[in-house]
Amino acid sequence: MPGAVGRGVARLPATSLRVAAIGFVGALVMGAVVAACLRLLPSPFSALVGMMATLFFLISHVFGRVVLYAATGRWLQRRYPFMGRNSEALALLIGTTTWAILSSLPYVWPFVAALTIVLSFGLALTAGRRNGWKRPPNPEITPQKTSRNPPRLHPKRVESRSCARAYKRAGAAN
């Protein structure tokens, strides 16, 4: 999905609290659903649900961390202009370094890990496009687009505009 990281970076600063709330609720629901499926479903189905949940966790965690690193690097680049203004590679490097330092601090790393997991879930659950749930337009009601330039007719057959209209009417009648 091209552009997903860019949309996530744009979405994170504006609605980070909402993304975190969605991620927290999503993590709780996924944990409860997986635990219930492991308990209630037969073994092959519960293994399939467990594998799907693990795959979602891994993919969302990687996606969320990349978005979080990029957003942090962009924020630091805007705040401190000497860090390079428009380099995305430098923004990722700065964000990765910042979060690596934060996650290596004693007594702080559990909160950093929990924050990245919750934000990753929230970003993965809100990563879809906004128009995904809209109904497609009804082709019977929607007018057809017309081109600016009408199709050109063969010059030997049509000499003037009035002849062109007559030629079109004759073609439409047949």
C-alpha atoms as a PDB file:
ATOM      1  CA  MET A   1       0.000   0.000   0.000  1.00  0.00           C
ATOM      2  CA  PRO A   2       2.050   2.938  -1.238  1.00  0.00           C
ATOM      3  CA  GLY A   3       1.817   6.077   0.825  1.00  0.00           C
ATOM      4  CA  ALA A   4       0.617   4.310   3.984  1.00  0.00           C
ATOM      5  CA  VAL A   5       3.573   5.474   6.064  1.00  0.00           C
ATOM      6  CA  GLY A   6       3.145   9.044   4.854  1.00  0.00           C
ATOM      7  CA  ARG A   7      -0.562   9.011   5.705  1.00  0.00           C
ATOM      8  CA  GLY A   8       0.263   7.531   9.117  1.00  0.00           C
ATOM      9  CA  VAL A   9       2.858  10.223   9.794  1.00  0.00           C
ATOM     10  CA  ALA A  10       0.329  12.889   8.807  1.00  0.00           C
ATOM     11  CA  ARG A  11      -2.396  11.318  10.966  1.00  0.00           C
ATOM     12  CA  LEU A  12      -0.329  10.725  14.112  1.00  0.00           C
ATOM     13  CA  PRO A  13       0.310  14.287  15.359  1.00  0.00           C
ATOM     14  CA  ALA A  14      -3.226  15.465  14.661  1.00  0.00           C
ATOM     15  CA  THR A  15      -5.091  12.633  16.403  1.00  0.00           C
ATOM     16  CA  SER A  16      -2.511  10.787  18.493  1.00  0.00           C
ATOM     17  CA  LEU A  17      -4.800  10.453  21.507  1.00  0.00           C
ATOM     18  CA  ARG A  18      -7.589   8.961  19.399  1.00  0.00           C
ATOM     19  CA  VAL A  19      -5.143   6.609  17.657  1.00  0.00           C
ATOM     20  CA  ALA A  20      -3.808   5.520  21.049  1.00  0.00           C
ATOM     21  CA  ALA A  21      -7.334   4.902  22.370  1.00  0.00           C
ATOM     22  CA  ILE A  22      -8.232   2.847  19.295  1.00  0.00           C
ATOM     23  CA  GLY A  23      -4.994   0.894  19.663  1.00  0.00           C
ATOM     24  CA  PHE A  24      -5.580   0.210  23.350  1.00  0.00           C
ATOM     25  CA  VAL A  25      -9.147  -0.983  22.804  1.00  0.00           C
ATOM     26  CA  GLY A  26      -8.031  -2.993  19.758  1.00  0.00           C
ATOM     27  CA  ALA A  27      -5.285  -4.713  21.751  1.00  0.00           C
ATOM     28  CA  LEU A  28      -7.721  -5.598  24.526  1.00  0.00           C
ATOM     29  CA  VAL A  29     -10.348  -6.890  22.095  1.00  0.00           C
ATOM     30  CA  MET A  30      -7.801  -8.887  20.101  1.00  0.00           C
ATOM     31  CA  GLY A  31      -6.408 -10.450  23.270  1.00  0.00           C
ATOM     32  CA  ALA A  32      -9.888 -11.378  24.520  1.00  0.00           C
ATOM     33  CA  VAL A  33     -11.019 -12.745  21.146  1.00  0.00           C
ATOM     34  CA  VAL A  34      -7.877 -14.824  20.680  1.00  0.00           C
ATOM     35  CA  ALA A  35      -8.137 -16.214  24.218  1.00  0.00           C
ATOM     36  CA  ALA A  36     -11.812 -17.089  23.653  1.00  0.00           C
ATOM     37  CA  CYS A  37     -11.066 -18.689  20.288  1.00  0.00           C
ATOM     38  CA  LEU A  38      -8.266 -20.760  21.785  1.00  0.00           C
ATOM     39  CA  ARG A  39     -10.649 -21.963  24.463  1.00  0.00           C
ATOM     40  CA  LEU A  40     -13.801 -22.538  22.415  1.00  0.00           C
ATOM     41  CA  LEU A  41     -12.766 -23.505  18.881  1.00  0.00           C
ATOM     42  CA  PRO A  42     -11.266 -26.820  17.801  1.00  0.00           C
ATOM     43  CA  SER A  43      -7.480 -26.970  17.707  1.00  0.00           C
ATOM     44  CA  PRO A  44      -6.948 -26.379  13.956  1.00  0.00           C
ATOM     45  CA  PHE A  45      -9.180 -23.308  13.949  1.00  0.00           C
ATOM     46  CA  SER A  46      -7.736 -21.903  17.150  1.00  0.00           C
ATOM     47  CA  ALA A  47      -4.217 -22.362  15.742  1.00  0.00           C
ATOM     48  CA  LEU A  48      -5.278 -20.479  12.604  1.00  0.00           C
ATOM     49  CA  VAL A  49      -6.757 -17.625  14.657  1.00  0.00           C
ATOM     50  CA  GLY A  50      -3.626 -17.519  16.823  1.00  0.00           C
ATOM     51  CA  MET A  51      -1.366 -17.366  13.766  1.00  0.00           C
ATOM     52  CA  MET A  52      -3.456 -14.602  12.207  1.00  0.00           C
ATOM     53  CA  ALA A  53      -3.339 -12.592  15.434  1.00  0.00           C
ATOM     54  CA  THR A  54       0.427 -13.080  15.677  1.00  0.00           C
ATOM     55  CA  LEU A  55       0.867 -12.002  12.053  1.00  0.00           C
ATOM     56  CA  PHE A  56      -1.290  -8.917  12.645  1.00  0.00           C
ATOM     57  CA  PHE A  57       0.733  -8.083  15.746  1.00  0.00           C
ATOM     58  CA  LEU A  58       4.052  -8.374  13.890  1.00  0.00           C
ATOM     59  CA  ILE A  59       2.949  -6.393  10.837  1.00  0.00           C
ATOM     60  CA  SER A  60       1.254  -3.675  12.866  1.00  0.00           C
ATOM     61  CA  HIS A  61       4.251  -3.396  15.170  1.00  0.00           C
ATOM     62  CA  VAL A  62       6.686  -2.932  12.281  1.00  0.00           C
ATOM     63  CA  PHE A  63       4.360  -0.478  10.502  1.00  0.00           C
ATOM     64  CA  GLY A  64       3.686   1.477  13.676  1.00  0.00           C
ATOM     65  CA  ARG A  65       7.328   1.714  14.633  1.00  0.00           C
ATOM     66  CA  VAL A  66       8.299   3.020  11.203  1.00  0.00           C
ATOM     67  CA  VAL A  67       5.537   5.641  11.367  1.00  0.00           C
ATOM     68  CA  LEU A  68       6.511   6.581  14.911  1.00  0.00           C
ATOM     69  CA  TYR A  69      10.188   6.883  13.995  1.00  0.00           C
ATOM     70  CA  ALA A  70       9.408   8.973  10.918  1.00  0.00           C
ATOM     71  CA  ALA A  71       7.018  11.269  12.819  1.00  0.00           C
ATOM     72  CA  THR A  72       9.531  11.784  15.633  1.00  0.00           C
ATOM     73  CA  GLY A  73      12.334  12.501  13.181  1.00  0.00           C
ATOM     74  CA  ARG A  74      10.154  14.975  11.256  1.00  0.00           C
ATOM     75  CA  TRP A  75       9.158  16.725  14.472  1.00  0.00           C
ATOM     76  CA  LEU A  76      12.785  17.031  15.582  1.00  0.00           C
ATOM     77  CA  GLN A  77      13.791  18.304  12.127  1.00  0.00           C
ATOM     78  CA  ARG A  78      11.144  21.029  12.296  1.00  0.00           C
ATOM     79  CA  ARG A  79      12.074  21.933  15.856  1.00  0.00           C
ATOM     80  CA  TYR A  80      15.845  22.025  15.240  1.00  0.00           C
ATOM     81  CA  PRO A  81      16.542  23.240  11.681  1.00  0.00           C
ATOM     82  CA  PHE A  82      20.240  22.359  11.775  1.00  0.00           C
ATOM     83  CA  MET A  83      19.278  18.645  11.582  1.00  0.00           C
ATOM     84  CA  GLY A  84      18.402  18.869   7.899  1.00  0.00           C
ATOM     85  CA  ARG A  85      15.105  20.200   6.642  1.00  0.00           C
ATOM     86  CA  ASN A  86      13.745  17.841   3.987  1.00  0.00           C
ATOM     87  CA  SER A  87      15.666  14.584   4.249  1.00  0.00           C
ATOM     88  CA  GLU A  88      13.383  11.631   4.956  1.00  0.00           C
ATOM     89  CA  ALA A  89      16.312   9.289   5.440  1.00  0.00           C
ATOM     90  CA  LEU A  90      17.753  11.622   8.038  1.00  0.00           C
ATOM     91  CA  ALA A  91      14.325  11.910   9.709  1.00  0.00           C
ATOM     92  CA  LEU A  92      14.129   8.107  10.000  1.00  0.00           C
ATOM     93  CA  LEU A  93      17.673   7.969  11.377  1.00  0.00           C
ATOM     94  CA  ILE A  94      16.982  10.689  13.951  1.00  0.00           C
ATOM     95  CA  GLY A  95      13.669   9.088  14.985  1.00  0.00           C
ATOM     96  CA  THR A  96      15.195   5.626  15.256  1.00  0.00           C
ATOM     97  CA  THR A  97      18.074   6.923  17.342  1.00  0.00           C
ATOM     98  CA  THR A  98      15.717   8.837  19.629  1.00  0.00           C
ATOM     99  CA  TRP A  99      13.439   5.850  20.254  1.00  0.00           C
ATOM    100  CA  ALA A 100      16.413   3.487  20.678  1.00  0.00           C
ATOM    101  CA  ILE A 101      17.809   5.760  23.365  1.00  0.00           C
ATOM    102  CA  LEU A 102      14.409   6.045  25.062  1.00  0.00           C
ATOM    103  CA  SER A 103      13.863   2.291  25.001  1.00  0.00           C
ATOM    104  CA  SER A 104      17.286   1.611  26.489  1.00  0.00           C
ATOM    105  CA  LEU A 105      16.675   3.682  29.619  1.00  0.00           C
ATOM    106  CA  PRO A 106      16.072   1.613  32.745  1.00  0.00           C
ATOM    107  CA  TYR A 107      12.615   1.942  34.315  1.00  0.00           C
ATOM    108  CA  VAL A 108      11.403   3.777  31.207  1.00  0.00           C
ATOM    109  CA  TRP A 109      11.590   1.025  28.581  1.00  0.00           C
ATOM    110  CA  PRO A 110       8.384  -0.817  29.667  1.00  0.00           C
ATOM    111  CA  PHE A 111       6.367   2.371  29.163  1.00  0.00           C
ATOM    112  CA  VAL A 112       8.063   3.043  25.829  1.00  0.00           C
ATOM    113  CA  ALA A 113       7.381  -0.523  24.690  1.00  0.00           C
ATOM    114  CA  ALA A 114       3.727  -0.301  25.772  1.00  0.00           C
ATOM    115  CA  LEU A 115       3.358   3.063  24.027  1.00  0.00           C
ATOM    116  CA  THR A 116       4.803   1.746  20.767  1.00  0.00           C
ATOM    117  CA  ILE A 117       2.570  -1.340  20.867  1.00  0.00           C
ATOM    118  CA  VAL A 118      -0.580   0.696  21.547  1.00  0.00           C
ATOM    119  CA  LEU A 119       0.237   3.303  18.893  1.00  0.00           C
ATOM    120  CA  SER A 120       1.173   0.563  16.418  1.00  0.00           C
ATOM    121  CA  PHE A 121      -2.170  -1.157  16.882  1.00  0.00           C
ATOM    122  CA  GLY A 122      -4.004   2.139  16.563  1.00  0.00           C
ATOM    123  CA  LEU A 123      -2.136   3.122  13.418  1.00  0.00           C
ATOM    124  CA  ALA A 124      -2.712  -0.291  11.851  1.00  0.00           C
ATOM    125  CA  LEU A 125      -6.418  -0.223  12.687  1.00  0.00           C
ATOM    126  CA  THR A 126      -6.887   3.302  11.309  1.00  0.00           C
ATOM    127  CA  ALA A 127      -4.619   2.918   8.281  1.00  0.00           C
ATOM    128  CA  GLY A 128      -7.426   2.489   5.762  1.00  0.00           C
ATOM    129  CA  ARG A 129      -8.529   5.237   3.447  1.00  0.00           C
ATOM    130  CA  ARG A 130     -11.385   7.429   4.570  1.00  0.00           C
ATOM    131  CA  ASN A 131     -13.568   6.712   1.559  1.00  0.00           C
ATOM    132  CA  GLY A 132     -13.424   2.943   2.017  1.00  0.00           C
ATOM    133  CA  TRP A 133     -16.938   2.689   3.486  1.00  0.00           C
ATOM    134  CA  LYS A 134     -18.686   5.009   1.039  1.00  0.00           C
ATOM    135  CA  ARG A 135     -21.136   3.499  -1.384  1.00  0.00           C
ATOM    136  CA  PRO A 136     -20.062   3.546  -5.015  1.00  0.00           C
ATOM    137  CA  PRO A 137     -22.116   5.966  -7.119  1.00  0.00           C
ATOM    138  CA  ASN A 138     -25.053   4.539  -9.011  1.00  0.00           C
ATOM    139  CA  PRO A 139     -24.173   4.581 -12.739  1.00  0.00           C
ATOM    140  CA  GLU A 140     -27.836   5.115 -13.683  1.00  0.00           C
ATOM    141  CA  ILE A 141     -28.046   8.357 -11.695  1.00  0.00           C
ATOM    142  CA  THR A 142     -24.525   9.708 -12.248  1.00  0.00           C
ATOM    143  CA  PRO A 143     -24.223  11.687 -15.487  1.00  0.00           C
ATOM    144  CA  GLN A 144     -21.614  10.481 -17.913  1.00  0.00           C
ATOM    145  CA  LYS A 145     -18.560  12.650 -18.394  1.00  0.00           C
ATOM    146  CA  THR A 146     -18.259  14.234 -21.811  1.00  0.00           C
ATOM    147  CA  SER A 147     -15.005  15.132 -23.421  1.00  0.00           C
ATOM    148  CA  ARG A 148     -14.220  18.727 -24.343  1.00  0.00           C
ATOM    149  CA  ASN A 149     -13.312  17.894 -27.891  1.00  0.00           C
ATOM    150  CA  PRO A 150     -15.918  15.967 -29.858  1.00  0.00           C
ATOM    151  CA  PRO A 151     -14.646  13.069 -31.940  1.00  0.00           C
ATOM    152  CA  ARG A 152     -13.302  14.159 -35.290  1.00  0.00           C
ATOM    153  CA  LEU A 153     -15.137  13.019 -38.344  1.00  0.00           C
ATOM    154  CA  HIS A 154     -13.536  12.055 -41.610  1.00  0.00           C
ATOM    155  CA  PRO A 155     -12.884  15.267 -43.603  1.00  0.00           C
ATOM    156  CA  LYS A 156     -13.986  13.811 -46.941  1.00  0.00           C
ATOM    157  CA  ARG A 157     -17.398  12.869 -45.603  1.00  0.00           C
ATOM    158  CA  VAL A 158     -18.180  16.056 -43.683  1.00  0.00           C
ATOM    159  CA  GLU A 159     -17.672  19.520 -45.122  1.00  0.00           C
ATOM    160  CA  SER A 160     -19.392  21.770 -42.572  1.00  0.00           C
ATOM    161  CA  ARG A 161     -20.902  21.769 -39.096  1.00  0.00           C
ATOM    162  CA  SER A 162     -24.436  21.324 -40.353  1.00  0.00           C
ATOM    163  CA  CYS A 163     -23.332  18.345 -42.399  1.00  0.00           C
ATOM    164  CA  ALA A 164     -21.577  16.928 -39.337  1.00  0.00           C
ATOM    165  CA  ARG A 165     -24.798  17.141 -37.329  1.00  0.00           C
ATOM    166  CA  ALA A 166     -26.735  15.487 -40.089  1.00  0.00           C
ATOM    167  CA  TYR A 167     -24.072  12.800 -40.363  1.00  0.00           C
ATOM    168  CA  LYS A 168     -24.268  12.146 -36.612  1.00  0.00           C
ATOM    169  CA  ARG A 169     -28.070  11.938 -36.714  1.00  0.00           C
ATOM    170  CA  ALA A 170     -27.944   9.533 -39.613  1.00  0.00           C
ATOM    171  CA  GLY A 171     -25.391   7.386 -37.781  1.00  0.00           C
ATOM    172  CA  ALA A 172     -27.473   7.404 -34.606  1.00  0.00           C
ATOM    173  CA  ALA A 173     -30.619   6.448 -36.503  1.00  0.00           C
ATOM    174  CA  ASN A 174     -28.973   3.391 -38.067  1.00  0.00           C
END
